[in-house]
Amino acid sequence: MALLTGITKGGASWTPTFVEAIDPESCIGCGRCFKSCSRTVLAPTEIEDEENDTISMVMDVADADDCIGCAGCAVACPKDCFTFAPMEV
């Protein structure tokens, strides 16, 4: 299994990891990840809690195919909600 690998400007080898999922149980809907993503990979979505009759906002992966593997969203996230994986080539 070969993984997609890039080169940094300084010549170091780098294996990007791409967003796979966001844990809706951990997400507090603060939007920091959304603001940090320049590729519109993420979007807010509503979660309905029928038990308490409330609606809350959390983030969701809207366009995973547009992710460039920078992990800026994970750096911005205060709750460690993201799951990432490298891409096989």
C-alpha atoms as a PDB file:
ATOM      1  CA  MET A   1       0.000   0.000   0.000  1.00  0.00           C
ATOM      2  CA  ALA A   2       1.573   3.264  -1.132  1.00  0.00           C
ATOM      3  CA  LEU A   3       0.446   6.557   0.391  1.00  0.00           C
ATOM      4  CA  LEU A   4       0.255   9.940  -1.270  1.00  0.00           C
ATOM      5  CA  THR A   5       3.378  11.845  -0.234  1.00  0.00           C
ATOM      6  CA  GLY A   6       4.353  15.419  -0.907  1.00  0.00           C
ATOM      7  CA  ILE A   7       7.442  17.544  -0.472  1.00  0.00           C
ATOM      8  CA  THR A   8       7.589  20.685   1.655  1.00  0.00           C
ATOM      9  CA  LYS A   9       9.243  23.854   0.395  1.00  0.00           C
ATOM     10  CA  GLY A  10      12.262  22.886   2.478  1.00  0.00           C
ATOM     11  CA  GLY A  11      12.498  19.509   0.733  1.00  0.00           C
ATOM     12  CA  ALA A  12      11.166  17.332   3.555  1.00  0.00           C
ATOM     13  CA  SER A  13       8.824  14.460   2.778  1.00  0.00           C
ATOM     14  CA  TRP A  14       5.246  14.920   4.012  1.00  0.00           C
ATOM     15  CA  THR A  15       2.236  12.575   4.047  1.00  0.00           C
ATOM     16  CA  PRO A  16      -0.982  14.606   4.232  1.00  0.00           C
ATOM     17  CA  THR A  17      -3.956  13.213   6.111  1.00  0.00           C
ATOM     18  CA  PHE A  18      -7.413  14.041   4.821  1.00  0.00           C
ATOM     19  CA  VAL A  19     -10.565  14.659   6.846  1.00  0.00           C
ATOM     20  CA  GLU A  20     -12.765  11.580   7.102  1.00  0.00           C
ATOM     21  CA  ALA A  21     -15.367  12.503   9.722  1.00  0.00           C
ATOM     22  CA  ILE A  22     -16.366  14.821  12.550  1.00  0.00           C
ATOM     23  CA  ASP A  23     -17.700  13.355  15.795  1.00  0.00           C
ATOM     24  CA  PRO A  24     -21.104  15.047  16.295  1.00  0.00           C
ATOM     25  CA  GLU A  25     -21.111  14.036  19.970  1.00  0.00           C
ATOM     26  CA  SER A  26     -17.916  16.023  20.636  1.00  0.00           C
ATOM     27  CA  CYS A  27     -18.561  18.974  18.302  1.00  0.00           C
ATOM     28  CA  ILE A  28     -19.837  22.109  20.043  1.00  0.00           C
ATOM     29  CA  GLY A  29     -20.637  23.931  16.786  1.00  0.00           C
ATOM     30  CA  CYS A  30     -18.244  26.812  17.442  1.00  0.00           C
ATOM     31  CA  GLY A  31     -17.336  27.101  13.735  1.00  0.00           C
ATOM     32  CA  ARG A  32     -13.589  27.571  14.273  1.00  0.00           C
ATOM     33  CA  CYS A  33     -12.823  24.708  11.886  1.00  0.00           C
ATOM     34  CA  PHE A  34     -15.221  26.158   9.301  1.00  0.00           C
ATOM     35  CA  LYS A  35     -13.443  29.524   9.446  1.00  0.00           C
ATOM     36  CA  SER A  36     -10.006  27.907   9.157  1.00  0.00           C
ATOM     37  CA  CYS A  37     -10.822  25.901   6.005  1.00  0.00           C
ATOM     38  CA  SER A  38     -10.148  27.774   2.762  1.00  0.00           C
ATOM     39  CA  ARG A  39     -11.596  24.929   0.656  1.00  0.00           C
ATOM     40  CA  THR A  40     -15.222  24.853   1.965  1.00  0.00           C
ATOM     41  CA  VAL A  41     -14.815  21.214   3.001  1.00  0.00           C
ATOM     42  CA  LEU A  42     -16.924  21.781   6.138  1.00  0.00           C
ATOM     43  CA  ALA A  43     -20.432  23.110   6.675  1.00  0.00           C
ATOM     44  CA  PRO A  44     -22.771  23.615   9.626  1.00  0.00           C
ATOM     45  CA  THR A  45     -25.638  21.184  10.011  1.00  0.00           C
ATOM     46  CA  GLU A  46     -28.536  20.929  12.433  1.00  0.00           C
ATOM     47  CA  ILE A  47     -28.917  18.001  14.831  1.00  0.00           C
ATOM     48  CA  GLU A  48     -32.359  17.462  16.300  1.00  0.00           C
ATOM     49  CA  ASP A  49     -32.629  16.003  19.802  1.00  0.00           C
ATOM     50  CA  GLU A  50     -36.153  14.602  19.908  1.00  0.00           C
ATOM     51  CA  GLU A  51     -35.817  13.611  23.550  1.00  0.00           C
ATOM     52  CA  ASN A  52     -35.272  17.213  24.705  1.00  0.00           C
ATOM     53  CA  ASP A  53     -37.063  18.808  21.718  1.00  0.00           C
ATOM     54  CA  THR A  54     -34.028  20.944  20.857  1.00  0.00           C
ATOM     55  CA  ILE A  55     -32.014  21.651  17.726  1.00  0.00           C
ATOM     56  CA  SER A  56     -28.281  22.273  17.894  1.00  0.00           C
ATOM     57  CA  MET A  57     -25.735  23.215  15.282  1.00  0.00           C
ATOM     58  CA  VAL A  58     -22.643  21.084  14.656  1.00  0.00           C
ATOM     59  CA  MET A  59     -20.105  20.921  11.851  1.00  0.00           C
ATOM     60  CA  ASP A  60     -20.192  18.253   9.145  1.00  0.00           C
ATOM     61  CA  VAL A  61     -17.942  17.177   6.276  1.00  0.00           C
ATOM     62  CA  ALA A  62     -19.718  18.681   3.269  1.00  0.00           C
ATOM     63  CA  ASP A  63     -17.132  18.067   0.523  1.00  0.00           C
ATOM     64  CA  ALA A  64     -14.365  15.655   1.573  1.00  0.00           C
ATOM     65  CA  ASP A  65     -13.119  15.455  -2.021  1.00  0.00           C
ATOM     66  CA  ASP A  66     -11.979  19.088  -1.818  1.00  0.00           C
ATOM     67  CA  CYS A  67      -9.767  18.512   1.273  1.00  0.00           C
ATOM     68  CA  ILE A  68      -6.059  19.192   0.685  1.00  0.00           C
ATOM     69  CA  GLY A  69      -4.857  17.488   3.879  1.00  0.00           C
ATOM     70  CA  CYS A  70      -3.572  20.552   5.719  1.00  0.00           C
ATOM     71  CA  ALA A  71      -5.335  19.616   9.017  1.00  0.00           C
ATOM     72  CA  GLY A  72      -5.950  23.295   9.788  1.00  0.00           C
ATOM     73  CA  CYS A  73      -9.435  22.357  10.941  1.00  0.00           C
ATOM     74  CA  ALA A  74      -8.027  20.018  13.599  1.00  0.00           C
ATOM     75  CA  VAL A  75      -5.628  22.692  14.816  1.00  0.00           C
ATOM     76  CA  ALA A  76      -8.540  25.123  15.210  1.00  0.00           C
ATOM     77  CA  CYS A  77     -10.870  22.595  16.895  1.00  0.00           C
ATOM     78  CA  PRO A  78     -10.972  22.912  20.707  1.00  0.00           C
ATOM     79  CA  LYS A  79     -12.672  19.517  21.138  1.00  0.00           C
ATOM     80  CA  ASP A  80     -10.541  17.168  18.968  1.00  0.00           C
ATOM     81  CA  CYS A  81     -13.567  16.112  16.886  1.00  0.00           C
ATOM     82  CA  PHE A  82     -11.802  15.153  13.649  1.00  0.00           C
ATOM     83  CA  THR A  83     -10.807  11.811  12.170  1.00  0.00           C
ATOM     84  CA  PHE A  84      -8.149  11.838   9.443  1.00  0.00           C
ATOM     85  CA  ALA A  85      -6.585   9.260   7.134  1.00  0.00           C
ATOM     86  CA  PRO A  86      -3.818   9.323   4.533  1.00  0.00           C
ATOM     87  CA  MET A  87      -4.747   8.666   0.913  1.00  0.00           C
ATOM     88  CA  GLU A  88      -3.663   5.495  -0.836  1.00  0.00           C
ATOM     89  CA  VAL A  89      -2.359   5.834  -4.379  1.00  0.00           C
END
